[in-house]
Amino acid sequence: ATDPGATGSYYADRVAVALKSNPDLVYVSTYFPAGVQIAK
């Protein structure tokens, strides 16, 4: 989350990539600042 490029839109793009596999479960292994953005 401290990286200059780690904006809300960045995490939205990453989540969109992960969801392309049509998963049953999303597992988020991050520290909480990034986890907040992924949850959103």
All heavy atoms as atom14 arrays in JSON, in Angstrom:
{
  "sequence": "ATDPGATGSYYADRVAVALKSNPDLVYVSTYFPAGVQIAK",
  "atom14_mask": [
    [1, 1, 1, 1, 1, 0, 0, 0, 0, 0, 0, 0, 0, 0],
    [1, 1, 1, 1, 1, 1, 1, 0, 0, 0, 0, 0, 0, 0],
    [1, 1, 1, 1, 1, 1, 1, 1, 0, 0, 0, 0, 0, 0],
    [1, 1, 1, 1, 1, 1, 1, 0, 0, 0, 0, 0, 0, 0],
    [1, 1, 1, 1, 0, 0, 0, 0, 0, 0, 0, 0, 0, 0],
    [1, 1, 1, 1, 1, 0, 0, 0, 0, 0, 0, 0, 0, 0],
    [1, 1, 1, 1, 1, 1, 1, 0, 0, 0, 0, 0, 0, 0],
    [1, 1, 1, 1, 0, 0, 0, 0, 0, 0, 0, 0, 0, 0],
    [1, 1, 1, 1, 1, 1, 0, 0, 0, 0, 0, 0, 0, 0],
    [1, 1, 1, 1, 1, 1, 1, 1, 1, 1, 1, 1, 0, 0],
    [1, 1, 1, 1, 1, 1, 1, 1, 1, 1, 1, 1, 0, 0],
    [1, 1, 1, 1, 1, 0, 0, 0, 0, 0, 0, 0, 0, 0],
    [1, 1, 1, 1, 1, 1, 1, 1, 0, 0, 0, 0, 0, 0],
    [1, 1, 1, 1, 1, 1, 1, 1, 1, 1, 1, 0, 0, 0],
    [1, 1, 1, 1, 1, 1, 1, 0, 0, 0, 0, 0, 0, 0],
    [1, 1, 1, 1, 1, 0, 0, 0, 0, 0, 0, 0, 0, 0],
    [1, 1, 1, 1, 1, 1, 1, 0, 0, 0, 0, 0, 0, 0],
    [1, 1, 1, 1, 1, 0, 0, 0, 0, 0, 0, 0, 0, 0],
    [1, 1, 1, 1, 1, 1, 1, 1, 0, 0, 0, 0, 0, 0],
    [1, 1, 1, 1, 1, 1, 1, 1, 1, 0, 0, 0, 0, 0],
    [1, 1, 1, 1, 1, 1, 0, 0, 0, 0, 0, 0, 0, 0],
    [1, 1, 1, 1, 1, 1, 1, 1, 0, 0, 0, 0, 0, 0],
    [1, 1, 1, 1, 1, 1, 1, 0, 0, 0, 0, 0, 0, 0],
    [1, 1, 1, 1, 1, 1, 1, 1, 0, 0, 0, 0, 0, 0],
    [1, 1, 1, 1, 1, 1, 1, 1, 0, 0, 0, 0, 0, 0],
    [1, 1, 1, 1, 1, 1, 1, 0, 0, 0, 0, 0, 0, 0],
    [1, 1, 1, 1, 1, 1, 1, 1, 1, 1, 1, 1, 0, 0],
    [1, 1, 1, 1, 1, 1, 1, 0, 0, 0, 0, 0, 0, 0],
    [1, 1, 1, 1, 1, 1, 0, 0, 0, 0, 0, 0, 0, 0],
    [1, 1, 1, 1, 1, 1, 1, 0, 0, 0, 0, 0, 0, 0],
    [1, 1, 1, 1, 1, 1, 1, 1, 1, 1, 1, 1, 0, 0],
    [1, 1, 1, 1, 1, 1, 1, 1, 1, 1, 1, 0, 0, 0],
    [1, 1, 1, 1, 1, 1, 1, 0, 0, 0, 0, 0, 0, 0],
    [1, 1, 1, 1, 1, 0, 0, 0, 0, 0, 0, 0, 0, 0],
    [1, 1, 1, 1, 0, 0, 0, 0, 0, 0, 0, 0, 0, 0],
    [1, 1, 1, 1, 1, 1, 1, 0, 0, 0, 0, 0, 0, 0],
    [1, 1, 1, 1, 1, 1, 1, 1, 1, 0, 0, 0, 0, 0],
    [1, 1, 1, 1, 1, 1, 1, 1, 0, 0, 0, 0, 0, 0],
    [1, 1, 1, 1, 1, 0, 0, 0, 0, 0, 0, 0, 0, 0],
    [1, 1, 1, 1, 1, 1, 1, 1, 1, 0, 0, 0, 0, 0]
  ],
  "atom14_positions": [
    [[0.81, -1.21, 0.0], [0.0, 0.0, 0.0], [0.85, 1.26, 0.0], [0.37, 2.34, -0.36], [-0.94, 0.0, 1.2], [0.0, 0.0, 0.0], [0.0, 0.0, 0.0], [0.0, 0.0, 0.0], [0.0, 0.0, 0.0], [0.0, 0.0, 0.0], [0.0, 0.0, 0.0], [0.0, 0.0, 0.0], [0.0, 0.0, 0.0], [0.0, 0.0, 0.0]],
    [[2.13, 1.16, 0.4], [3.01, 2.33, 0.43], [3.59, 2.66, -0.94], [4.18, 3.72, -1.11], [4.16, 2.09, 1.41], [4.81, 0.85, 1.1], [3.66, 2.04, 2.85], [0.0, 0.0, 0.0], [0.0, 0.0, 0.0], [0.0, 0.0, 0.0], [0.0, 0.0, 0.0], [0.0, 0.0, 0.0], [0.0, 0.0, 0.0], [0.0, 0.0, 0.0]],
    [[3.45, 1.76, -1.9], [3.99, 2.03, -3.24], [3.21, 3.17, -3.89], [1.97, 3.2, -3.81], [3.89, 0.77, -4.1], [4.66, 0.88, -5.4], [4.18, 1.6, -6.3], [5.73, 0.27, -5.5], [0.0, 0.0, 0.0], [0.0, 0.0, 0.0], [0.0, 0.0, 0.0], [0.0, 0.0, 0.0], [0.0, 0.0, 0.0], [0.0, 0.0, 0.0]],
    [[3.89, 4.12, -4.55], [3.18, 5.25, -5.18], [2.11, 4.82, -6.18], [1.13, 5.53, -6.38], [4.31, 6.03, -5.87], [5.55, 5.67, -5.11], [5.36, 4.25, -4.67], [0.0, 0.0, 0.0], [0.0, 0.0, 0.0], [0.0, 0.0, 0.0], [0.0, 0.0, 0.0], [0.0, 0.0, 0.0], [0.0, 0.0, 0.0], [0.0, 0.0, 0.0]],
    [[2.27, 3.67, -6.79], [1.3, 3.22, -7.78], [0.12, 2.48, -7.2], [-0.8, 2.09, -7.93], [0.0, 0.0, 0.0], [0.0, 0.0, 0.0], [0.0, 0.0, 0.0], [0.0, 0.0, 0.0], [0.0, 0.0, 0.0], [0.0, 0.0, 0.0], [0.0, 0.0, 0.0], [0.0, 0.0, 0.0], [0.0, 0.0, 0.0], [0.0, 0.0, 0.0]],
    [[0.13, 2.26, -5.88], [-0.91, 1.45, -5.25], [-2.13, 2.29, -4.88], [-2.41, 2.54, -3.71], [-0.34, 0.75, -4.02], [0.0, 0.0, 0.0], [0.0, 0.0, 0.0], [0.0, 0.0, 0.0], [0.0, 0.0, 0.0], [0.0, 0.0, 0.0], [0.0, 0.0, 0.0], [0.0, 0.0, 0.0], [0.0, 0.0, 0.0], [0.0, 0.0, 0.0]],
    [[-2.86, 2.7, -5.88], [-4.07, 3.5, -5.68], [-5.29, 2.58, -5.62], [-5.19, 1.38, -5.89], [-4.24, 4.5, -6.83], [-4.38, 3.73, -8.06], [-3.03, 5.42, -6.95], [0.0, 0.0, 0.0], [0.0, 0.0, 0.0], [0.0, 0.0, 0.0], [0.0, 0.0, 0.0], [0.0, 0.0, 0.0], [0.0, 0.0, 0.0], [0.0, 0.0, 0.0]],
    [[-6.45, 3.17, -5.33], [-7.67, 2.39, -5.32], [-7.96, 1.75, -6.67], [-8.39, 0.59, -6.75], [0.0, 0.0, 0.0], [0.0, 0.0, 0.0], [0.0, 0.0, 0.0], [0.0, 0.0, 0.0], [0.0, 0.0, 0.0], [0.0, 0.0, 0.0], [0.0, 0.0, 0.0], [0.0, 0.0, 0.0], [0.0, 0.0, 0.0], [0.0, 0.0, 0.0]],
    [[-7.71, 2.5, -7.75], [-7.96, 1.96, -9.09], [-7.0, 0.82, -9.41], [-7.35, -0.13, -10.12], [-7.84, 3.06, -10.13], [-6.54, 3.64, -10.12], [0.0, 0.0, 0.0], [0.0, 0.0, 0.0], [0.0, 0.0, 0.0], [0.0, 0.0, 0.0], [0.0, 0.0, 0.0], [0.0, 0.0, 0.0], [0.0, 0.0, 0.0], [0.0, 0.0, 0.0]],
    [[-5.77, 0.91, -8.89], [-4.8, -0.17, -9.1], [-5.33, -1.47, -8.5], [-5.31, -2.54, -9.14], [-3.45, 0.18, -8.48], [-2.54, -1.02, -8.31], [-1.8, -1.51, -9.38], [-2.44, -1.67, -7.08], [-0.98, -2.63, -9.24], [-1.63, -2.79, -6.92], [-0.91, -3.26, -8.0], [-0.11, -4.37, -7.85], [0.0, 0.0, 0.0], [0.0, 0.0, 0.0]],
    [[-5.8, -1.41, -7.25], [-6.29, -2.62, -6.6], [-7.57, -3.12, -7.28], [-7.79, -4.33, -7.37], [-6.53, -2.38, -5.11], [-5.24, -2.26, -4.33], [-4.83, -1.05, -3.79], [-4.42, -3.37, -4.14], [-3.64, -0.94, -3.09], [-3.22, -3.27, -3.44], [-2.84, -2.05, -2.92], [-1.66, -1.96, -2.23], [0.0, 0.0, 0.0], [0.0, 0.0, 0.0]],
    [[-8.4, -2.22, -7.77], [-9.59, -2.63, -8.52], [-9.19, -3.43, -9.76], [-9.82, -4.44, -10.1], [-10.43, -1.41, -8.89], [0.0, 0.0, 0.0], [0.0, 0.0, 0.0], [0.0, 0.0, 0.0], [0.0, 0.0, 0.0], [0.0, 0.0, 0.0], [0.0, 0.0, 0.0], [0.0, 0.0, 0.0], [0.0, 0.0, 0.0], [0.0, 0.0, 0.0]],
    [[-8.14, -2.98, -10.44], [-7.65, -3.7, -11.62], [-7.12, -5.08, -11.25], [-7.36, -6.07, -11.95], [-6.55, -2.9, -12.31], [-7.06, -1.65, -13.0], [-8.28, -1.57, -13.23], [-6.25, -0.76, -13.3], [0.0, 0.0, 0.0], [0.0, 0.0, 0.0], [0.0, 0.0, 0.0], [0.0, 0.0, 0.0], [0.0, 0.0, 0.0], [0.0, 0.0, 0.0]],
    [[-6.38, -5.15, -10.14], [-5.83, -6.43, -9.69], [-6.94, -7.41, -9.31], [-6.86, -8.61, -9.6], [-4.9, -6.22, -8.49], [-3.64, -5.42, -8.76], [-2.57, -6.25, -9.45], [-2.75, -6.31, -10.91], [-2.15, -7.17, -11.71], [-1.34, -8.08, -11.21], [-2.36, -7.14, -13.0], [0.0, 0.0, 0.0], [0.0, 0.0, 0.0], [0.0, 0.0, 0.0]],
    [[-7.97, -6.9, -8.65], [-9.11, -7.75, -8.28], [-9.81, -8.25, -9.53], [-10.19, -9.42, -9.63], [-10.08, -6.98, -7.36], [-11.43, -7.7, -7.25], [-9.46, -6.8, -5.99], [0.0, 0.0, 0.0], [0.0, 0.0, 0.0], [0.0, 0.0, 0.0], [0.0, 0.0, 0.0], [0.0, 0.0, 0.0], [0.0, 0.0, 0.0], [0.0, 0.0, 0.0]],
    [[-9.97, -7.38, -10.53], [-10.61, -7.79, -11.78], [-9.84, -8.91, -12.45], [-10.43, -9.86, -12.99], [-10.73, -6.58, -12.72], [0.0, 0.0, 0.0], [0.0, 0.0, 0.0], [0.0, 0.0, 0.0], [0.0, 0.0, 0.0], [0.0, 0.0, 0.0], [0.0, 0.0, 0.0], [0.0, 0.0, 0.0], [0.0, 0.0, 0.0], [0.0, 0.0, 0.0]],
    [[-8.52, -8.84, -12.41], [-7.69, -9.91, -12.98], [-7.93, -11.22, -12.23], [-8.1, -12.29, -12.83], [-6.19, -9.52, -12.92], [-5.3, -10.71, -13.26], [-5.91, -8.37, -13.87], [0.0, 0.0, 0.0], [0.0, 0.0, 0.0], [0.0, 0.0, 0.0], [0.0, 0.0, 0.0], [0.0, 0.0, 0.0], [0.0, 0.0, 0.0], [0.0, 0.0, 0.0]],
    [[-7.95, -11.15, -10.9], [-8.14, -12.36, -10.1], [-9.51, -12.99, -10.35], [-9.64, -14.22, -10.37], [-7.98, -12.02, -8.62], [0.0, 0.0, 0.0], [0.0, 0.0, 0.0], [0.0, 0.0, 0.0], [0.0, 0.0, 0.0], [0.0, 0.0, 0.0], [0.0, 0.0, 0.0], [0.0, 0.0, 0.0], [0.0, 0.0, 0.0], [0.0, 0.0, 0.0]],
    [[-10.52, -12.16, -10.54], [-11.88, -12.68, -10.7], [-12.13, -13.29, -12.08], [-13.15, -13.96, -12.28], [-12.89, -11.56, -10.45], [-12.96, -11.03, -9.0], [-13.96, -9.9, -8.9], [-13.31, -12.16, -8.03], [0.0, 0.0, 0.0], [0.0, 0.0, 0.0], [0.0, 0.0, 0.0], [0.0, 0.0, 0.0], [0.0, 0.0, 0.0], [0.0, 0.0, 0.0]],
    [[-11.2, -13.11, -13.02], [-11.38, -13.68, -14.36], [-11.42, -15.22, -14.32], [-11.98, -15.85, -15.23], [-10.25, -13.23, -15.28], [-10.38, -11.78, -15.74], [-9.23, -11.41, -16.66], [-9.36, -9.96, -17.14], [-8.23, -9.56, -18.03], [0.0, 0.0, 0.0], [0.0, 0.0, 0.0], [0.0, 0.0, 0.0], [0.0, 0.0, 0.0], [0.0, 0.0, 0.0]],
    [[-10.85, -15.81, -13.29], [-10.84, -17.28, -13.19], [-12.14, -17.82, -12.61], [-12.26, -19.03, -12.4], [-9.66, -17.74, -12.33], [-9.79, -17.25, -11.0], [0.0, 0.0, 0.0], [0.0, 0.0, 0.0], [0.0, 0.0, 0.0], [0.0, 0.0, 0.0], [0.0, 0.0, 0.0], [0.0, 0.0, 0.0], [0.0, 0.0, 0.0], [0.0, 0.0, 0.0]],
    [[-13.11, -16.93, -12.35], [-14.39, -17.33, -11.78], [-14.21, -18.19, -10.53], [-14.68, -19.33, -10.44], [-15.23, -18.1, -12.82], [-16.66, -18.29, -12.37], [-17.21, -17.48, -11.62], [-17.28, -19.37, -12.81], [0.0, 0.0, 0.0], [0.0, 0.0, 0.0], [0.0, 0.0, 0.0], [0.0, 0.0, 0.0], [0.0, 0.0, 0.0], [0.0, 0.0, 0.0]],
    [[-13.53, -17.65, -9.52], [-13.17, -18.47, -8.35], [-14.35, -18.75, -7.42], [-15.31, -17.98, -7.35], [-12.12, -17.61, -7.65], [-12.52, -16.2, -7.99], [-13.03, -16.27, -9.41], [0.0, 0.0, 0.0], [0.0, 0.0, 0.0], [0.0, 0.0, 0.0], [0.0, 0.0, 0.0], [0.0, 0.0, 0.0], [0.0, 0.0, 0.0], [0.0, 0.0, 0.0]],
    [[-14.24, -19.86, -6.68], [-15.15, -20.14, -5.57], [-14.74, -19.35, -4.34], [-15.56, -19.06, -3.47], [-15.11, -21.62, -5.19], [-15.4, -22.54, -6.35], [-16.37, -22.26, -7.08], [-14.66, -23.53, -6.53], [0.0, 0.0, 0.0], [0.0, 0.0, 0.0], [0.0, 0.0, 0.0], [0.0, 0.0, 0.0], [0.0, 0.0, 0.0], [0.0, 0.0, 0.0]],
    [[-13.44, -19.05, -4.25], [-12.88, -18.39, -3.08], [-11.78, -17.43, -3.51], [-10.95, -17.78, -4.36], [-12.3, -19.42, -2.1], [-11.56, -18.86, -0.88], [-12.54, -18.26, 0.13], [-10.72, -19.94, -0.21], [0.0, 0.0, 0.0], [0.0, 0.0, 0.0], [0.0, 0.0, 0.0], [0.0, 0.0, 0.0], [0.0, 0.0, 0.0], [0.0, 0.0, 0.0]],
    [[-11.76, -16.25, -2.92], [-10.66, -15.3, -3.09], [-9.87, -15.28, -1.79], [-10.43, -15.05, -0.71], [-11.17, -13.89, -3.41], [-10.0, -12.89, -3.47], [-11.92, -13.89, -4.74], [0.0, 0.0, 0.0], [0.0, 0.0, 0.0], [0.0, 0.0, 0.0], [0.0, 0.0, 0.0], [0.0, 0.0, 0.0], [0.0, 0.0, 0.0], [0.0, 0.0, 0.0]],
    [[-8.57, -15.57, -1.89], [-7.69, -15.57, -0.72], [-6.77, -14.35, -0.82], [-6.07, -14.18, -1.82], [-6.86, -16.86, -0.67], [-5.82, -16.89, 0.44], [-6.2, -16.96, 1.77], [-4.46, -16.86, 0.14], [-5.25, -17.0, 2.78], [-3.5, -16.9, 1.13], [-3.9, -16.97, 2.47], [-2.95, -17.0, 3.47], [0.0, 0.0, 0.0], [0.0, 0.0, 0.0]],
    [[-6.78, -13.5, 0.21], [-6.04, -12.25, 0.19], [-4.9, -12.33, 1.2], [-5.12, -12.28, 2.41], [-6.96, -11.05, 0.51], [-6.18, -9.74, 0.42], [-8.16, -11.03, -0.43], [0.0, 0.0, 0.0], [0.0, 0.0, 0.0], [0.0, 0.0, 0.0], [0.0, 0.0, 0.0], [0.0, 0.0, 0.0], [0.0, 0.0, 0.0], [0.0, 0.0, 0.0]],
    [[-3.67, -12.48, 0.71], [-2.5, -12.55, 1.59], [-1.7, -11.26, 1.44], [-0.76, -11.16, 0.65], [-1.64, -13.77, 1.23], [-0.67, -14.0, 2.23], [0.0, 0.0, 0.0], [0.0, 0.0, 0.0], [0.0, 0.0, 0.0], [0.0, 0.0, 0.0], [0.0, 0.0, 0.0], [0.0, 0.0, 0.0], [0.0, 0.0, 0.0], [0.0, 0.0, 0.0]],
    [[-2.13, -10.25, 2.18], [-1.51, -8.92, 2.17], [-1.48, -8.41, 3.59], [-2.07, -9.01, 4.5], [-2.32, -7.93, 1.32], [-3.62, -7.76, 1.92], [-2.5, -8.41, -0.11], [0.0, 0.0, 0.0], [0.0, 0.0, 0.0], [0.0, 0.0, 0.0], [0.0, 0.0, 0.0], [0.0, 0.0, 0.0], [0.0, 0.0, 0.0], [0.0, 0.0, 0.0]],
    [[-0.81, -7.27, 3.8], [-0.97, -6.54, 5.06], [-2.21, -5.66, 4.94], [-2.68, -5.36, 3.84], [0.28, -5.73, 5.37], [1.42, -6.59, 5.87], [2.38, -7.08, 4.99], [1.5, -6.96, 7.2], [3.4, -7.9, 5.43], [2.52, -7.78, 7.66], [3.47, -8.24, 6.78], [4.48, -9.06, 7.22], [0.0, 0.0, 0.0], [0.0, 0.0, 0.0]],
    [[-2.75, -5.26, 6.09], [-4.1, -4.68, 6.1], [-4.29, -3.42, 5.25], [-5.39, -3.23, 4.72], [-4.55, -4.41, 7.55], [-3.94, -3.21, 8.19], [-4.55, -1.97, 8.11], [-2.74, -3.3, 8.87], [-3.98, -0.85, 8.7], [-2.16, -2.2, 9.46], [-2.78, -0.97, 9.39], [0.0, 0.0, 0.0], [0.0, 0.0, 0.0], [0.0, 0.0, 0.0]],
    [[-3.3, -2.54, 5.07], [-3.6, -1.37, 4.22], [-3.99, -1.77, 2.79], [-4.9, -1.18, 2.2], [-2.3, -0.57, 4.26], [-1.66, -0.96, 5.56], [-1.96, -2.42, 5.68], [0.0, 0.0, 0.0], [0.0, 0.0, 0.0], [0.0, 0.0, 0.0], [0.0, 0.0, 0.0], [0.0, 0.0, 0.0], [0.0, 0.0, 0.0], [0.0, 0.0, 0.0]],
    [[-3.3, -2.78, 2.25], [-3.67, -3.28, 0.92], [-4.97, -4.07, 0.99], [-5.81, -4.01, 0.09], [-2.56, -4.15, 0.34], [0.0, 0.0, 0.0], [0.0, 0.0, 0.0], [0.0, 0.0, 0.0], [0.0, 0.0, 0.0], [0.0, 0.0, 0.0], [0.0, 0.0, 0.0], [0.0, 0.0, 0.0], [0.0, 0.0, 0.0], [0.0, 0.0, 0.0]],
    [[-5.16, -4.82, 2.09], [-6.36, -5.61, 2.26], [-7.62, -4.75, 2.26], [-8.67, -5.16, 1.73], [0.0, 0.0, 0.0], [0.0, 0.0, 0.0], [0.0, 0.0, 0.0], [0.0, 0.0, 0.0], [0.0, 0.0, 0.0], [0.0, 0.0, 0.0], [0.0, 0.0, 0.0], [0.0, 0.0, 0.0], [0.0, 0.0, 0.0], [0.0, 0.0, 0.0]],
    [[-7.53, -3.56, 2.84], [-8.68, -2.65, 2.84], [-9.08, -2.3, 1.41], [-10.26, -2.33, 1.03], [-8.36, -1.36, 3.63], [-9.43, -0.3, 3.41], [-8.23, -1.67, 5.12], [0.0, 0.0, 0.0], [0.0, 0.0, 0.0], [0.0, 0.0, 0.0], [0.0, 0.0, 0.0], [0.0, 0.0, 0.0], [0.0, 0.0, 0.0], [0.0, 0.0, 0.0]],
    [[-8.08, -1.96, 0.59], [-8.36, -1.59, -0.79], [-8.94, -2.77, -1.58], [-9.84, -2.6, -2.42], [-7.07, -1.09, -1.46], [-6.48, 0.15, -0.84], [-7.41, 1.35, -0.94], [-8.18, 1.48, -1.89], [-7.34, 2.24, 0.05], [0.0, 0.0, 0.0], [0.0, 0.0, 0.0], [0.0, 0.0, 0.0], [0.0, 0.0, 0.0], [0.0, 0.0, 0.0]],
    [[-8.45, -3.96, -1.31], [-8.96, -5.15, -2.0], [-10.39, -5.44, -1.56], [-11.25, -5.79, -2.38], [-8.03, -6.35, -1.73], [-6.69, -6.11, -2.46], [-8.68, -7.65, -2.19], [-5.62, -7.11, -2.09], [0.0, 0.0, 0.0], [0.0, 0.0, 0.0], [0.0, 0.0, 0.0], [0.0, 0.0, 0.0], [0.0, 0.0, 0.0], [0.0, 0.0, 0.0]],
    [[-10.67, -5.29, -0.27], [-12.04, -5.5, 0.22], [-13.01, -4.52, -0.43], [-14.13, -4.89, -0.81], [-12.08, -5.36, 1.74], [0.0, 0.0, 0.0], [0.0, 0.0, 0.0], [0.0, 0.0, 0.0], [0.0, 0.0, 0.0], [0.0, 0.0, 0.0], [0.0, 0.0, 0.0], [0.0, 0.0, 0.0], [0.0, 0.0, 0.0], [0.0, 0.0, 0.0]],
    [[-12.58, -3.28, -0.58], [-13.43, -2.28, -1.24], [-13.67, -2.65, -2.71], [-14.79, -2.54, -3.23], [-12.78, -0.9, -1.14], [-12.77, -0.3, 0.27], [-12.1, 1.07, 0.27], [-12.09, 1.68, 1.67], [-13.46, 1.98, 2.15], [0.0, 0.0, 0.0], [0.0, 0.0, 0.0], [0.0, 0.0, 0.0], [0.0, 0.0, 0.0], [0.0, 0.0, 0.0]]
  ]
}
